[in-house]
Structure formats: C-alpha cells, structure tokens
Amino acid sequence: MPARNQQQWKEVPGKLKPGEYVDSRIYSDKKIFEEELVKIWKNVWVPVCHESELDKPYDFRTVTISREPVIVVRGTDNQVRAFLNVCPHRGNMIENRPSGSFENGTPSGAPKHMTCMFHAWQFDMKGNCVHISRSKEGYQDRLDCKDVGLRRLRCEVKYGGFVWVTLNDKIEHSVEEWAQGSFDCMQKALDAEPLEVFHYHKAIIPCNYKLWHDTNSEFYHDYLHYHNRITGFNDSYFARQNKVFDNGHVNVGSFEVQYDNYEGFESREELSFPHLPANHWEMIDLFPGMNFNLRGSALRVDLMTPLGPDKVMIEYRGLGLKSDTPEERLTRQRHHNSIWGPFGRNLHEDLIAVSTQQSTMNEWADERRILHGRYEGETIHDEVGMRHFYDEWGKWMDRWPGDPELSYNEGLRKAA
C-alpha cells in the first residue's frame, strides 16, 4: 500500500479494535501528566529504596513521590520509617542530602536528630519533635513539642527487603495485597536470605515514564537487543508466558538463557539466586512503573520518578546476596554490568529507543495511534501486558487510553 496522507494516517489501521491502541497524547499532554501524579502516584505503593541502603540506625535516604519530598530513616529500634521531608514550622525541607547518617552532628544539626537548618527544630527517628529553639520565649504556653511532629507515611519492608511507601494514609491494601500475587514467581528467591545493593546509578531520560515501562512490559522489542537475540531466541524463549494480575501488574515467564551462545560469556548457574533454576530469568512489571528483573545471578530493580510529561528519572539498582564472598560479589557485578550497567549491552539501546519515541510524540505533534494489538497466545511477543497496563491506567485516570477526551466508561461503550 502506498504511503498514507494525513487523514489516512490518523485513521485506525487495519482491523484493530479499541483497546488495541492508545492515543499518543497520553505521552505528551501536560494536563494528563499532572492528573497522573494526583490520581495515580499519590495513591499507590511505591518502592523507594532497599533496606541495605539504611544499614545502621540513623541512616537515611531522601526521595520524591509525586513532587512530595520524602525521607526514609532507620530508627534505634531497627525499624524503617518514612516521613514527609518537611518541617511543620515553616514548611522548609529538613534534609537536602540524598543519603547519609544522623548519628553525628553537622554544622546545622544536632547528633542523632533530624534538624531543620532554617530554625533548628529537631526531630527524632520516630518523627517526634524533641526540640523547638527558644520555645518558651516565643510561644509561651501556646505551642509545645508534643503539638507538632513530622507527617508520617505508611511504610512497609517487603519482597527482598525493599522499602515501600505511599502518600495515601487511607490506602485499602497492604503491599502484599497490592501486588496481587505478581511476586510469586520470585518471592522465594528474594526472601531466602538478606540481599544487598552492589550497584546504583540513575539517569534522567527524555521520555514519558510510560514509554520506559513499555520497554519492560513487552519483549517484541528484543529485536533491538543483539545480545538477547543471540542468547535467547529459541523455542523456549518464544514459549514464555505473560501473566496478568489485578491492579495492572504483569510478569513474564521464565526460561533458560543460553549464555554460552555468546562469545566471552559464561554460565551463571553457580551463582543463580536461591530457588531460581540455573540461568533462568524472571521479570515483574508493577503498575504504574516499577520493574523487578531477576536474571540468574543478579537482580536489577528500576524505580522511576516522573518529572514531566517528557522526562523521567530512573534509579537502577543491582543486588546480590549479603553473604557473598568478595570473589562472588565481583562475579555478580560483572554479570550485572555486562547487561545492565551504565555501559551495558542492553541499556543504551533502550535509552535510544524511548528517547526517539518521545521526540515524535512531543506536545506539538499531531495525535496518532500507538499500537498494542499483537496477539500470540499471551506469549513473549504478545502485547497483552501493555493492553493490561493501559486498561488499568484508564480506570485510575477515568480516561479512555485510545481517546483521552472520553471517560473510561464512554470508551468502553464505544468499544462495545
């Protein structure tokens, strides 16, 4: 068929049905992005870091969820807690460092306390206010430490020691209930013994967060990855099953990766995670945009912070067993970084793909159809995971993904 004119280009191609494509505006519209932060990201469980990054009492990490600054700390009782990183006095951000320890004092802070640098109010690791500078002189008997404190957030440590936080105090489910069984494929491997982060880097990528999630949600794009084609394209690879779960989550069935097919690579059988068959590969995509990727000897976890309709920060963590010997750890690091590190074989290819996608879906571009209509019996190149994700997205947003000007129910009626 010849190239299409503008009107033909905007039509639904072939015999695709509603639900088998989305409108490109959901990747570029500023109003839609702001709605996502409020309707979705403020109301779900978000894994923000790993407990090994808070190894000792008074250790902390700061993160952002839906533009809200959050601080995660380990208390003297060894419990991990999360709070808004905001002083109740004048709304100042308490801690500006990305990570560190409160055990020792700083020029603007007392030892073993979170201290707001603005007016030196102090808080303990449970979020209690323990000191207001010149309290009696300024407030007399009108305000006391017991009257103020940090805004606590719901926090759970779950699935291999990841720290999960939600801004929604009234969330109806625990992390386990939210996951809906999606972790069953790797929970034994993650929880068999303590894990430890051995690799961390982050990148700000010029694309909508959903485009990055899409690259993890479908394997049809493995044609992009030479290494994956060489080590994986066989009958068992194509037979892998996509399994969908409530709340928009998906996991991709396992198979044995043929590392020996790639020159210079080696079997990862000796260091495969506990309870994971040798050289196997499990993956979980969590709504609205987190990924757990267990590949033989190393776990990679992508945690994202949407920054704008065309910008997302991804934090990449590589994890191994805390009990690793130095030699085992070096091997895990080599296995991890040869695929996923800053200069790994797959990462740069994914970055190019999503960046060039976003460049064609900017806010000034004509709206167009983004196709999710492949059916292959819910196996690896079936786009069932993407259809499942965007159906869940539509429910949370009350927008029809194929035409975001319609409500979700209006889109359903049109599809029927």
Foldseek 3Di string as FASTA:
>chain_A
DDDDDPVVQFDDPDPDFFLQWFKLVCLAPFVNVLLCLVLPQQFDKAQDFFCQQQVAAQKKFWDATSNFIKMWGQHPVRDIWMFGQFFPPPGDRQDDDGIDGQQPADPQGHRQWRFRSPQGFTAHNVFQTDDGPPCCVPQNPNDDSRRDTTGTWDWDQDQLGTIITHNDPVHDDDPVVLCQCLCVVCSCLSPVAHKHWDDKDKDKAQTALQLLLLVQQACVCCVLFPQCCQFPPDPQQQFWFWDAGPLLKIKIGKDATRQVSDPPGDWLQVQFGPPDHTQMWIKMAHPPHKIWIRGGRKIWIWGWHGDGSGIIMIMITIMGHPPDDPVSVVVSVVVCQCDPNPPHRPPVSSSVVRNVVRVQSHPPHDMGIDGQNADDPRGRRRSVSVSSNQLSVLVSSQARRRGRVHGSVVSVVVSD
